[in-house]
């Protein structure tokens, strides 16, 4: 475990609220990003991140340090997101409208020249990517978010999700293949020229 985290956690266990504030400051943006990328709603993502820290605060005494603190924290965030999905109806599962993921996708799609038809193609590609991502199951979407958007290593993802390393690789491969197939289908359906 990170030495700084270890010190902060020990201080938290002794009731030091300043140490807990430092932990929040260190990890709040990552928690918010993960929740936002999975949920697609900023207010809800903020609520989930806040709830995650409330749960950490209440159970910090039980944290044994068997894994890294951020692994434990991210797992709480993922569980809260999963709980949210369970409560939602199928048609409201995932909305990427105005999400952080849309901004990430915008950065990753190469800029076309200023011609209107190229702008329209770029917008259509972004829409197809968002639509295709919504078709992924939660377990596949979460590995895409953790690996491709958050940049976690396969090992960290395995620790966070408490699944074997091989399962992480398998899910990621399946998720990428499904995403690719969905994009190809969408491309044919919309006769995208890209």
N, C-alpha and C. Protein backbone atom coordinates (compact mmCIF):
# COMPACT_ATOMS: atom_id res chain seq x y z
N UNK A 1 0.84 -1.18 0.00
CA UNK A 1 0.00 0.00 0.00
C UNK A 1 0.89 1.24 0.00
N UNK A 2 0.42 2.27 -0.63
CA UNK A 2 1.07 3.58 -0.68
C UNK A 2 1.32 4.07 0.75
N UNK A 3 2.55 4.50 1.03
CA UNK A 3 2.93 4.93 2.39
C UNK A 3 2.07 6.11 2.87
N UNK A 4 1.83 7.06 1.96
CA UNK A 4 1.00 8.22 2.32
C UNK A 4 -0.41 7.76 2.71
N UNK A 5 -0.97 6.85 1.90
CA UNK A 5 -2.30 6.34 2.21
C UNK A 5 -2.30 5.60 3.55
N UNK A 6 -1.26 4.81 3.77
CA UNK A 6 -1.17 4.04 5.01
C UNK A 6 -1.19 4.97 6.23
N UNK A 7 -0.43 6.05 6.15
CA UNK A 7 -0.38 7.02 7.25
C UNK A 7 -1.73 7.69 7.43
N UNK A 8 -2.34 8.12 6.32
CA UNK A 8 -3.64 8.78 6.39
C UNK A 8 -4.70 7.85 6.98
N UNK A 9 -4.68 6.60 6.55
CA UNK A 9 -5.68 5.63 7.03
C UNK A 9 -5.51 5.39 8.53
N UNK A 10 -4.28 5.24 8.97
CA UNK A 10 -4.04 5.05 10.41
C UNK A 10 -4.53 6.25 11.20
N UNK A 11 -4.28 7.44 10.67
CA UNK A 11 -4.76 8.65 11.34
C UNK A 11 -6.29 8.72 11.34
N UNK A 12 -6.91 8.28 10.24
CA UNK A 12 -8.39 8.24 10.17
C UNK A 12 -8.95 7.29 11.22
N UNK A 13 -8.30 6.15 11.37
CA UNK A 13 -8.75 5.16 12.34
C UNK A 13 -8.70 5.70 13.77
N UNK A 14 -7.81 6.69 13.98
CA UNK A 14 -7.69 7.31 15.30
C UNK A 14 -8.61 8.54 15.43
N UNK A 15 -9.47 8.75 14.42
CA UNK A 15 -10.45 9.83 14.50
C UNK A 15 -10.00 11.16 13.94
N UNK A 16 -8.91 11.18 13.18
CA UNK A 16 -8.39 12.41 12.63
C UNK A 16 -9.17 12.79 11.36
N UNK A 17 -10.06 13.79 11.49
CA UNK A 17 -10.88 14.21 10.34
C UNK A 17 -10.06 14.90 9.26
N UNK A 18 -8.97 15.54 9.63
CA UNK A 18 -8.10 16.20 8.65
C UNK A 18 -7.50 15.14 7.72
N UNK A 19 -7.11 14.01 8.26
CA UNK A 19 -6.55 12.92 7.44
C UNK A 19 -7.61 12.40 6.47
N UNK A 20 -8.84 12.29 6.94
CA UNK A 20 -9.91 11.83 6.07
C UNK A 20 -10.16 12.84 4.95
N UNK A 21 -10.12 14.13 5.27
CA UNK A 21 -10.27 15.17 4.25
C UNK A 21 -9.18 15.06 3.19
N UNK A 22 -7.98 14.72 3.61
CA UNK A 22 -6.88 14.56 2.66
C UNK A 22 -7.10 13.35 1.74
N UNK A 23 -7.65 12.27 2.30
CA UNK A 23 -7.99 11.11 1.47
C UNK A 23 -9.06 11.47 0.44
N UNK A 24 -10.06 12.21 0.89
CA UNK A 24 -11.11 12.64 -0.03
C UNK A 24 -10.51 13.49 -1.15
N UNK A 25 -9.69 14.43 -0.76
CA UNK A 25 -9.08 15.32 -1.75
C UNK A 25 -8.24 14.54 -2.77
N UNK A 26 -7.54 13.54 -2.29
CA UNK A 26 -6.67 12.75 -3.16
C UNK A 26 -7.45 11.91 -4.18
N UNK A 27 -8.60 11.37 -3.77
CA UNK A 27 -9.31 10.41 -4.61
C UNK A 27 -10.67 10.86 -5.15
N UNK A 28 -11.14 12.03 -4.77
CA UNK A 28 -12.50 12.42 -5.15
C UNK A 28 -12.67 12.55 -6.66
N UNK A 29 -11.69 13.10 -7.36
CA UNK A 29 -11.85 13.29 -8.80
C UNK A 29 -11.89 11.95 -9.54
N UNK A 30 -11.05 11.01 -9.12
CA UNK A 30 -11.08 9.69 -9.75
C UNK A 30 -12.41 8.99 -9.50
N UNK A 31 -12.91 9.10 -8.28
CA UNK A 31 -14.22 8.48 -7.96
C UNK A 31 -15.32 9.11 -8.78
N UNK A 32 -15.30 10.41 -8.87
CA UNK A 32 -16.31 11.13 -9.64
C UNK A 32 -16.23 10.74 -11.12
N UNK A 33 -15.02 10.66 -11.65
CA UNK A 33 -14.84 10.30 -13.07
C UNK A 33 -15.39 8.90 -13.37
N UNK A 34 -15.07 7.95 -12.51
CA UNK A 34 -15.55 6.58 -12.74
C UNK A 34 -17.07 6.55 -12.70
N UNK A 35 -17.65 7.15 -11.68
CA UNK A 35 -19.12 7.15 -11.57
C UNK A 35 -19.74 7.87 -12.77
N UNK A 36 -19.16 8.98 -13.17
CA UNK A 36 -19.69 9.77 -14.28
C UNK A 36 -19.61 9.00 -15.59
N UNK A 37 -18.50 8.31 -15.81
CA UNK A 37 -18.33 7.55 -17.05
C UNK A 37 -19.25 6.34 -17.11
N UNK A 38 -19.58 5.79 -15.96
CA UNK A 38 -20.49 4.65 -15.94
C UNK A 38 -21.96 5.06 -15.96
N UNK A 39 -22.28 6.16 -15.30
CA UNK A 39 -23.66 6.58 -15.14
C UNK A 39 -24.08 7.60 -16.20
N UNK A 40 -23.18 8.55 -16.50
CA UNK A 40 -23.48 9.56 -17.51
C UNK A 40 -24.27 10.75 -17.02
N UNK A 41 -24.40 10.90 -15.71
CA UNK A 41 -25.15 12.01 -15.12
C UNK A 41 -24.29 12.62 -14.02
N UNK A 42 -23.93 13.90 -14.19
CA UNK A 42 -22.99 14.52 -13.26
C UNK A 42 -23.53 14.55 -11.83
N UNK A 43 -24.77 14.96 -11.64
CA UNK A 43 -25.32 15.06 -10.29
C UNK A 43 -25.36 13.69 -9.61
N UNK A 44 -25.80 12.69 -10.35
CA UNK A 44 -25.85 11.35 -9.79
C UNK A 44 -24.44 10.83 -9.49
N UNK A 45 -23.49 11.13 -10.36
CA UNK A 45 -22.10 10.72 -10.12
C UNK A 45 -21.56 11.37 -8.86
N UNK A 46 -21.89 12.65 -8.65
CA UNK A 46 -21.45 13.33 -7.43
C UNK A 46 -22.08 12.69 -6.20
N UNK A 47 -23.35 12.33 -6.31
CA UNK A 47 -24.02 11.66 -5.19
C UNK A 47 -23.38 10.32 -4.88
N UNK A 48 -23.03 9.57 -5.93
CA UNK A 48 -22.40 8.27 -5.75
C UNK A 48 -21.02 8.42 -5.11
N UNK A 49 -20.24 9.39 -5.59
CA UNK A 49 -18.91 9.62 -5.01
C UNK A 49 -19.03 10.02 -3.54
N UNK A 50 -19.99 10.87 -3.23
CA UNK A 50 -20.21 11.29 -1.84
C UNK A 50 -20.62 10.10 -0.98
N UNK A 51 -21.53 9.28 -1.48
CA UNK A 51 -21.97 8.10 -0.74
C UNK A 51 -20.79 7.14 -0.52
N UNK A 52 -19.92 7.02 -1.52
CA UNK A 52 -18.75 6.15 -1.38
C UNK A 52 -17.87 6.62 -0.22
N UNK A 53 -17.65 7.94 -0.13
CA UNK A 53 -16.81 8.45 0.96
C UNK A 53 -17.51 8.33 2.31
N UNK A 54 -18.83 8.43 2.34
CA UNK A 54 -19.56 8.22 3.59
C UNK A 54 -19.36 6.78 4.06
N UNK A 55 -19.46 5.85 3.11
CA UNK A 55 -19.26 4.44 3.47
C UNK A 55 -17.83 4.18 3.93
N UNK A 56 -16.87 4.82 3.28
CA UNK A 56 -15.47 4.67 3.69
C UNK A 56 -15.30 5.20 5.11
N UNK A 57 -15.88 6.37 5.37
CA UNK A 57 -15.77 6.98 6.69
C UNK A 57 -16.33 6.06 7.78
N UNK A 58 -17.47 5.46 7.49
CA UNK A 58 -18.12 4.60 8.48
C UNK A 58 -17.37 3.29 8.70
N UNK A 59 -16.65 2.82 7.66
CA UNK A 59 -16.03 1.51 7.79
C UNK A 59 -14.51 1.53 7.69
N UNK A 60 -13.90 2.70 7.82
CA UNK A 60 -12.44 2.80 7.71
C UNK A 60 -11.75 1.94 8.77
N UNK A 61 -12.38 1.77 9.90
CA UNK A 61 -11.81 0.93 10.96
C UNK A 61 -11.70 -0.53 10.56
N UNK A 62 -12.52 -0.96 9.61
CA UNK A 62 -12.50 -2.34 9.14
C UNK A 62 -11.49 -2.57 8.02
N UNK A 63 -10.94 -1.48 7.46
CA UNK A 63 -9.99 -1.63 6.36
C UNK A 63 -8.69 -2.23 6.90
N UNK A 64 -8.33 -3.41 6.38
CA UNK A 64 -7.17 -4.14 6.88
C UNK A 64 -5.91 -3.90 6.04
N UNK A 65 -6.06 -3.32 4.88
CA UNK A 65 -4.89 -3.07 4.03
C UNK A 65 -4.48 -4.27 3.21
N UNK A 66 -5.40 -5.24 3.04
CA UNK A 66 -5.08 -6.40 2.20
C UNK A 66 -4.90 -6.01 0.74
N UNK A 67 -5.52 -4.91 0.34
CA UNK A 67 -5.36 -4.37 -1.00
C UNK A 67 -5.07 -2.88 -0.85
N UNK A 68 -4.76 -2.24 -1.96
CA UNK A 68 -4.52 -0.80 -1.92
C UNK A 68 -5.81 -0.09 -1.54
N UNK A 69 -5.70 1.05 -0.90
CA UNK A 69 -6.88 1.80 -0.50
C UNK A 69 -7.73 2.17 -1.71
N UNK A 70 -7.08 2.64 -2.78
CA UNK A 70 -7.89 3.06 -3.94
C UNK A 70 -8.64 1.88 -4.55
N UNK A 71 -8.10 0.66 -4.44
CA UNK A 71 -8.80 -0.52 -4.94
C UNK A 71 -10.08 -0.73 -4.14
N UNK A 72 -9.98 -0.60 -2.84
CA UNK A 72 -11.14 -0.74 -1.96
C UNK A 72 -12.17 0.35 -2.26
N UNK A 73 -11.70 1.59 -2.39
CA UNK A 73 -12.58 2.72 -2.65
C UNK A 73 -13.26 2.58 -4.01
N UNK A 74 -12.50 2.23 -5.05
CA UNK A 74 -13.09 2.09 -6.39
C UNK A 74 -14.13 0.98 -6.41
N UNK A 75 -13.88 -0.06 -5.65
CA UNK A 75 -14.84 -1.16 -5.58
C UNK A 75 -16.16 -0.67 -4.97
N UNK A 76 -16.07 0.19 -3.97
CA UNK A 76 -17.28 0.77 -3.38
C UNK A 76 -18.02 1.60 -4.42
N UNK A 77 -17.30 2.42 -5.18
CA UNK A 77 -17.91 3.24 -6.22
C UNK A 77 -18.58 2.35 -7.27
N UNK A 78 -17.89 1.31 -7.70
CA UNK A 78 -18.46 0.40 -8.71
C UNK A 78 -19.70 -0.30 -8.17
N UNK A 79 -19.67 -0.70 -6.92
CA UNK A 79 -20.84 -1.35 -6.32
C UNK A 79 -22.03 -0.40 -6.25
N UNK A 80 -21.77 0.86 -5.93
CA UNK A 80 -22.85 1.85 -5.89
C UNK A 80 -23.42 2.08 -7.29
N UNK A 81 -22.55 2.11 -8.30
CA UNK A 81 -23.02 2.25 -9.68
C UNK A 81 -23.85 1.03 -10.09
N UNK A 82 -23.37 -0.14 -9.73
CA UNK A 82 -24.09 -1.37 -10.04
C UNK A 82 -25.47 -1.36 -9.37
N UNK A 83 -25.53 -0.90 -8.12
CA UNK A 83 -26.80 -0.80 -7.42
C UNK A 83 -27.75 0.15 -8.13
N UNK A 84 -27.19 1.24 -8.62
CA UNK A 84 -28.01 2.20 -9.37
C UNK A 84 -28.62 1.54 -10.60
N UNK A 85 -27.81 0.78 -11.34
CA UNK A 85 -28.31 0.12 -12.54
C UNK A 85 -29.39 -0.90 -12.21
N UNK A 86 -29.24 -1.57 -11.11
CA UNK A 86 -30.24 -2.55 -10.72
C UNK A 86 -31.59 -1.90 -10.44
N UNK A 87 -31.55 -0.67 -9.95
CA UNK A 87 -32.79 0.03 -9.63
C UNK A 87 -33.45 0.67 -10.86
N UNK A 88 -32.70 0.82 -11.90
CA UNK A 88 -33.22 1.49 -13.10
C UNK A 88 -33.90 0.51 -14.04
N UNK A 89 -34.86 1.01 -14.77
CA UNK A 89 -35.48 0.17 -15.79
C UNK A 89 -34.53 0.04 -16.96
N UNK A 90 -34.73 -0.95 -17.78
CA UNK A 90 -33.82 -1.26 -18.88
C UNK A 90 -33.64 -0.08 -19.84
N UNK A 91 -34.70 0.65 -20.13
CA UNK A 91 -34.57 1.74 -21.09
C UNK A 91 -33.82 2.94 -20.53
N UNK A 92 -33.68 3.02 -19.20
CA UNK A 92 -32.96 4.13 -18.61
C UNK A 92 -31.58 3.72 -18.10
N UNK A 93 -31.09 2.56 -18.54
CA UNK A 93 -29.84 2.04 -18.00
C UNK A 93 -28.66 2.99 -18.12
N UNK A 94 -28.49 3.61 -19.25
CA UNK A 94 -27.26 4.38 -19.43
C UNK A 94 -27.48 5.50 -20.41
N UNK A 95 -27.13 6.70 -20.02
CA UNK A 95 -27.25 7.85 -20.90
C UNK A 95 -25.90 8.52 -20.98
N UNK A 96 -25.43 8.70 -22.18
CA UNK A 96 -24.14 9.35 -22.36
C UNK A 96 -24.29 10.81 -22.79
N UNK A 97 -25.50 11.32 -22.80
CA UNK A 97 -25.70 12.70 -23.20
C UNK A 97 -24.89 13.62 -22.29
N UNK A 98 -24.09 14.48 -22.89
CA UNK A 98 -23.29 15.47 -22.18
C UNK A 98 -22.41 14.85 -21.10
N UNK A 99 -21.96 13.63 -21.29
CA UNK A 99 -21.15 12.98 -20.27
C UNK A 99 -19.66 13.23 -20.48
N UNK A 100 -18.89 12.88 -19.46
CA UNK A 100 -17.44 13.01 -19.56
C UNK A 100 -16.93 12.11 -20.68
N UNK A 101 -17.58 10.97 -20.86
CA UNK A 101 -17.17 10.05 -21.90
C UNK A 101 -17.30 10.69 -23.27
N UNK A 102 -18.34 11.49 -23.47
CA UNK A 102 -18.51 12.19 -24.74
C UNK A 102 -17.32 13.12 -24.98
N UNK A 103 -16.86 13.81 -23.93
CA UNK A 103 -15.72 14.69 -24.06
C UNK A 103 -14.45 13.91 -24.38
N UNK A 104 -14.30 12.75 -23.75
CA UNK A 104 -13.14 11.91 -24.03
C UNK A 104 -13.17 11.44 -25.47
N UNK A 105 -14.33 10.97 -25.91
CA UNK A 105 -14.45 10.50 -27.28
C UNK A 105 -14.16 11.62 -28.26
N UNK A 106 -14.61 12.82 -27.96
CA UNK A 106 -14.38 13.94 -28.84
C UNK A 106 -12.88 14.18 -29.01
N UNK A 107 -12.12 14.04 -27.92
CA UNK A 107 -10.67 14.25 -27.97
C UNK A 107 -9.98 13.14 -28.77
N UNK A 108 -10.52 11.92 -28.70
CA UNK A 108 -9.86 10.80 -29.34
C UNK A 108 -10.18 10.66 -30.82
N UNK A 109 -11.23 11.32 -31.29
CA UNK A 109 -11.56 11.26 -32.71
C UNK A 109 -10.77 12.36 -33.40
N UNK A 110 -10.00 12.00 -34.43
CA UNK A 110 -9.16 13.01 -35.08
C UNK A 110 -10.01 14.14 -35.65
N UNK A 111 -9.47 15.34 -35.55
CA UNK A 111 -10.17 16.49 -36.12
C UNK A 111 -10.15 16.43 -37.63
N UNK A 112 -11.29 16.71 -38.21
CA UNK A 112 -11.39 16.81 -39.65
C UNK A 112 -11.25 18.29 -39.99
N UNK A 113 -11.06 18.57 -41.29
CA UNK A 113 -10.99 19.97 -41.64
C UNK A 113 -12.36 20.61 -41.40
N UNK A 114 -12.46 21.88 -41.64
CA UNK A 114 -13.66 22.62 -41.28
C UNK A 114 -14.84 22.42 -42.23
N UNK A 115 -14.71 21.55 -43.21
CA UNK A 115 -15.80 21.34 -44.15
C UNK A 115 -17.02 20.81 -43.41
N UNK A 116 -18.22 21.33 -43.70
CA UNK A 116 -19.44 20.90 -43.00
C UNK A 116 -19.69 19.40 -43.07
N UNK A 117 -19.42 18.78 -44.22
CA UNK A 117 -19.68 17.35 -44.33
C UNK A 117 -18.76 16.54 -43.41
N UNK A 118 -17.54 17.02 -43.20
CA UNK A 118 -16.63 16.33 -42.28
C UNK A 118 -17.08 16.50 -40.83
N UNK A 119 -17.58 17.67 -40.51
CA UNK A 119 -18.11 17.90 -39.16
C UNK A 119 -19.29 16.97 -38.90
N UNK A 120 -20.16 16.84 -39.87
CA UNK A 120 -21.33 15.97 -39.74
C UNK A 120 -20.89 14.52 -39.56
N UNK A 121 -19.90 14.07 -40.32
CA UNK A 121 -19.38 12.71 -40.19
C UNK A 121 -18.82 12.48 -38.79
N UNK A 122 -18.09 13.46 -38.28
CA UNK A 122 -17.51 13.35 -36.94
C UNK A 122 -18.61 13.23 -35.89
N UNK A 123 -19.63 14.05 -36.01
CA UNK A 123 -20.75 14.00 -35.08
C UNK A 123 -21.47 12.66 -35.15
N UNK A 124 -21.63 12.14 -36.37
CA UNK A 124 -22.30 10.85 -36.56
C UNK A 124 -21.48 9.72 -35.94
N UNK A 125 -20.17 9.77 -36.09
CA UNK A 125 -19.29 8.75 -35.49
C UNK A 125 -19.39 8.79 -33.97
N UNK A 126 -19.38 9.97 -33.39
CA UNK A 126 -19.51 10.09 -31.94
C UNK A 126 -20.85 9.53 -31.46
N UNK A 127 -21.91 9.81 -32.18
CA UNK A 127 -23.22 9.32 -31.82
C UNK A 127 -23.25 7.79 -31.88
N UNK A 128 -22.63 7.22 -32.90
CA UNK A 128 -22.60 5.77 -33.04
C UNK A 128 -21.79 5.12 -31.91
N UNK A 129 -20.69 5.75 -31.53
CA UNK A 129 -19.88 5.21 -30.43
C UNK A 129 -20.67 5.23 -29.14
N UNK A 130 -21.34 6.35 -28.86
CA UNK A 130 -22.15 6.45 -27.64
C UNK A 130 -23.26 5.40 -27.64
N UNK A 131 -23.92 5.27 -28.76
CA UNK A 131 -25.01 4.30 -28.89
C UNK A 131 -24.48 2.87 -28.68
N UNK A 132 -23.33 2.58 -29.25
CA UNK A 132 -22.75 1.25 -29.12
C UNK A 132 -22.33 0.95 -27.69
N UNK A 133 -21.81 1.94 -26.99
CA UNK A 133 -21.42 1.74 -25.59
C UNK A 133 -22.62 1.43 -24.71
N UNK A 134 -23.75 2.02 -25.03
CA UNK A 134 -24.94 1.76 -24.20
C UNK A 134 -25.42 0.33 -24.34
N UNK A 135 -25.01 -0.35 -25.39
CA UNK A 135 -25.43 -1.73 -25.60
C UNK A 135 -24.61 -2.74 -24.80
N UNK A 136 -23.49 -2.29 -24.23
CA UNK A 136 -22.65 -3.18 -23.42
C UNK A 136 -23.29 -3.41 -22.06
N UNK A 137 -23.11 -4.61 -21.53
CA UNK A 137 -23.57 -4.90 -20.17
C UNK A 137 -22.71 -4.10 -19.18
N UNK A 138 -23.19 -3.97 -17.96
CA UNK A 138 -22.45 -3.23 -16.95
C UNK A 138 -21.06 -3.83 -16.73
N UNK A 139 -20.97 -5.15 -16.65
CA UNK A 139 -19.66 -5.77 -16.36
C UNK A 139 -18.67 -5.52 -17.49
N UNK A 140 -19.15 -5.40 -18.72
CA UNK A 140 -18.25 -5.09 -19.83
C UNK A 140 -17.94 -3.60 -19.89
N UNK A 141 -18.94 -2.79 -19.60
CA UNK A 141 -18.72 -1.34 -19.62
C UNK A 141 -17.72 -0.94 -18.54
N UNK A 142 -17.80 -1.59 -17.36
CA UNK A 142 -16.90 -1.19 -16.28
C UNK A 142 -15.44 -1.52 -16.59
N UNK A 143 -15.16 -2.62 -17.28
CA UNK A 143 -13.76 -2.90 -17.61
C UNK A 143 -13.25 -1.93 -18.68
N UNK A 144 -14.13 -1.53 -19.60
CA UNK A 144 -13.75 -0.52 -20.61
C UNK A 144 -13.42 0.80 -19.90
N UNK A 145 -14.27 1.21 -18.96
CA UNK A 145 -14.04 2.46 -18.24
C UNK A 145 -12.76 2.39 -17.42
N UNK A 146 -12.57 1.30 -16.67
CA UNK A 146 -11.39 1.20 -15.81
C UNK A 146 -10.09 1.11 -16.61
N UNK A 147 -10.12 0.38 -17.72
CA UNK A 147 -8.89 0.19 -18.50
C UNK A 147 -8.66 1.32 -19.50
N UNK A 148 -9.66 1.54 -20.37
CA UNK A 148 -9.45 2.45 -21.50
C UNK A 148 -9.66 3.92 -21.15
N UNK A 149 -10.45 4.20 -20.13
CA UNK A 149 -10.70 5.59 -19.77
C UNK A 149 -9.95 6.02 -18.51
N UNK A 150 -9.85 5.12 -17.53
CA UNK A 150 -9.12 5.45 -16.31
C UNK A 150 -7.65 5.02 -16.35
N UNK A 151 -7.32 4.11 -17.25
CA UNK A 151 -5.93 3.70 -17.42
C UNK A 151 -5.40 2.75 -16.36
N UNK A 152 -6.30 2.08 -15.63
CA UNK A 152 -5.84 1.12 -14.63
C UNK A 152 -5.20 -0.09 -15.32
N UNK A 153 -4.24 -0.69 -14.65
CA UNK A 153 -3.60 -1.89 -15.18
C UNK A 153 -4.58 -3.06 -15.03
N UNK A 154 -4.30 -4.13 -15.77
CA UNK A 154 -5.13 -5.32 -15.65
C UNK A 154 -5.15 -5.83 -14.21
N UNK A 155 -3.99 -5.80 -13.56
CA UNK A 155 -3.89 -6.28 -12.18
C UNK A 155 -4.74 -5.44 -11.24
N UNK A 156 -4.70 -4.11 -11.40
CA UNK A 156 -5.50 -3.23 -10.54
C UNK A 156 -6.98 -3.44 -10.78
N UNK A 157 -7.36 -3.69 -12.03
CA UNK A 157 -8.77 -3.96 -12.33
C UNK A 157 -9.19 -5.26 -11.66
N UNK A 158 -8.34 -6.27 -11.74
CA UNK A 158 -8.65 -7.56 -11.10
C UNK A 158 -8.83 -7.39 -9.59
N UNK A 159 -7.96 -6.61 -8.97
CA UNK A 159 -8.06 -6.36 -7.53
C UNK A 159 -9.34 -5.58 -7.21
N UNK A 160 -9.64 -4.58 -8.01
CA UNK A 160 -10.80 -3.73 -7.78
C UNK A 160 -12.10 -4.52 -7.90
N UNK A 161 -12.19 -5.32 -8.95
CA UNK A 161 -13.41 -6.07 -9.20
C UNK A 161 -13.45 -7.42 -8.48
N UNK A 162 -12.31 -7.78 -7.87
CA UNK A 162 -12.18 -9.07 -7.17
C UNK A 162 -12.49 -10.24 -8.09
N UNK A 163 -11.86 -10.18 -9.26
CA UNK A 163 -11.98 -11.26 -10.24
C UNK A 163 -10.58 -11.63 -10.70
N UNK A 164 -10.41 -12.84 -11.23
CA UNK A 164 -9.08 -13.25 -11.70
C UNK A 164 -8.60 -12.37 -12.87
N UNK A 165 -7.29 -12.29 -12.99
CA UNK A 165 -6.67 -11.50 -14.05
C UNK A 165 -7.14 -11.98 -15.42
N UNK A 166 -7.25 -13.28 -15.60
CA UNK A 166 -7.72 -13.83 -16.87
C UNK A 166 -9.14 -13.39 -17.21
N UNK A 167 -9.97 -13.25 -16.18
CA UNK A 167 -11.34 -12.80 -16.39
C UNK A 167 -11.36 -11.34 -16.85
N UNK A 168 -10.47 -10.54 -16.29
CA UNK A 168 -10.37 -9.13 -16.72
C UNK A 168 -10.03 -9.08 -18.20
N UNK A 169 -9.02 -9.83 -18.59
CA UNK A 169 -8.59 -9.82 -19.99
C UNK A 169 -9.69 -10.34 -20.90
N UNK A 170 -10.37 -11.38 -20.46
CA UNK A 170 -11.45 -11.96 -21.25
C UNK A 170 -12.60 -10.97 -21.41
N UNK A 171 -13.01 -10.34 -20.30
CA UNK A 171 -14.11 -9.36 -20.37
C UNK A 171 -13.75 -8.18 -21.24
N UNK A 172 -12.52 -7.72 -21.11
CA UNK A 172 -12.09 -6.57 -21.91
C UNK A 172 -12.08 -6.93 -23.38
N UNK A 173 -11.58 -8.11 -23.70
CA UNK A 173 -11.56 -8.56 -25.09
C UNK A 173 -13.00 -8.68 -25.62
N UNK A 174 -13.87 -9.29 -24.83
CA UNK A 174 -15.27 -9.43 -25.24
C UNK A 174 -15.92 -8.06 -25.42
N UNK A 175 -15.68 -7.16 -24.46
CA UNK A 175 -16.27 -5.82 -24.53
C UNK A 175 -15.80 -5.08 -25.78
N UNK A 176 -14.51 -5.16 -26.06
CA UNK A 176 -13.99 -4.47 -27.25
C UNK A 176 -14.55 -5.08 -28.53
N UNK A 177 -14.64 -6.42 -28.56
CA UNK A 177 -15.21 -7.08 -29.75
C UNK A 177 -16.67 -6.70 -29.95
N UNK A 178 -17.44 -6.69 -28.86
CA UNK A 178 -18.86 -6.32 -28.97
C UNK A 178 -19.02 -4.86 -29.39
N UNK A 179 -18.16 -4.02 -28.86
CA UNK A 179 -18.20 -2.62 -29.23
C UNK A 179 -17.87 -2.46 -30.72
N UNK A 180 -16.86 -3.18 -31.16
CA UNK A 180 -16.47 -3.12 -32.57
C UNK A 180 -17.60 -3.64 -33.47
N UNK A 181 -18.21 -4.75 -33.10
CA UNK A 181 -19.32 -5.30 -33.89
C UNK A 181 -20.50 -4.33 -33.93
N UNK A 182 -20.79 -3.75 -32.79
CA UNK A 182 -21.89 -2.80 -32.72
C UNK A 182 -21.62 -1.58 -33.60
N UNK A 183 -20.38 -1.12 -33.60
CA UNK A 183 -20.01 0.02 -34.44
C UNK A 183 -20.11 -0.33 -35.93
N UNK A 184 -19.68 -1.54 -36.28
CA UNK A 184 -19.78 -1.95 -37.68
C UNK A 184 -21.24 -2.03 -38.12
N UNK A 185 -22.08 -2.56 -37.26
CA UNK A 185 -23.51 -2.64 -37.56
C UNK A 185 -24.10 -1.24 -37.70
N UNK A 186 -23.75 -0.36 -36.77
CA UNK A 186 -24.26 1.00 -36.82
C UNK A 186 -23.77 1.73 -38.06
N UNK A 187 -22.53 1.48 -38.41
CA UNK A 187 -21.95 2.11 -39.59
C UNK A 187 -22.72 1.70 -40.85
N UNK A 188 -23.04 0.42 -40.96
CA UNK A 188 -23.82 -0.05 -42.10
C UNK A 188 -25.24 0.53 -42.07
N UNK A 189 -25.81 0.55 -40.88
CA UNK A 189 -27.18 1.03 -40.73
C UNK A 189 -27.32 2.49 -41.13
N UNK A 190 -26.35 3.29 -40.75
CA UNK A 190 -26.42 4.72 -41.03
C UNK A 190 -25.63 5.12 -42.26
N UNK A 191 -25.04 4.12 -42.93
CA UNK A 191 -24.27 4.37 -44.14
C UNK A 191 -23.23 5.45 -43.93
N UNK A 192 -22.54 5.33 -42.79
CA UNK A 192 -21.50 6.28 -42.45
C UNK A 192 -20.32 6.11 -43.41
N UNK A 193 -19.79 7.21 -43.90
CA UNK A 193 -18.73 7.15 -44.91
C UNK A 193 -17.33 7.08 -44.29
N UNK A 194 -17.18 7.26 -42.95
CA UNK A 194 -15.88 7.36 -42.29
C UNK A 194 -15.07 6.24 -42.51
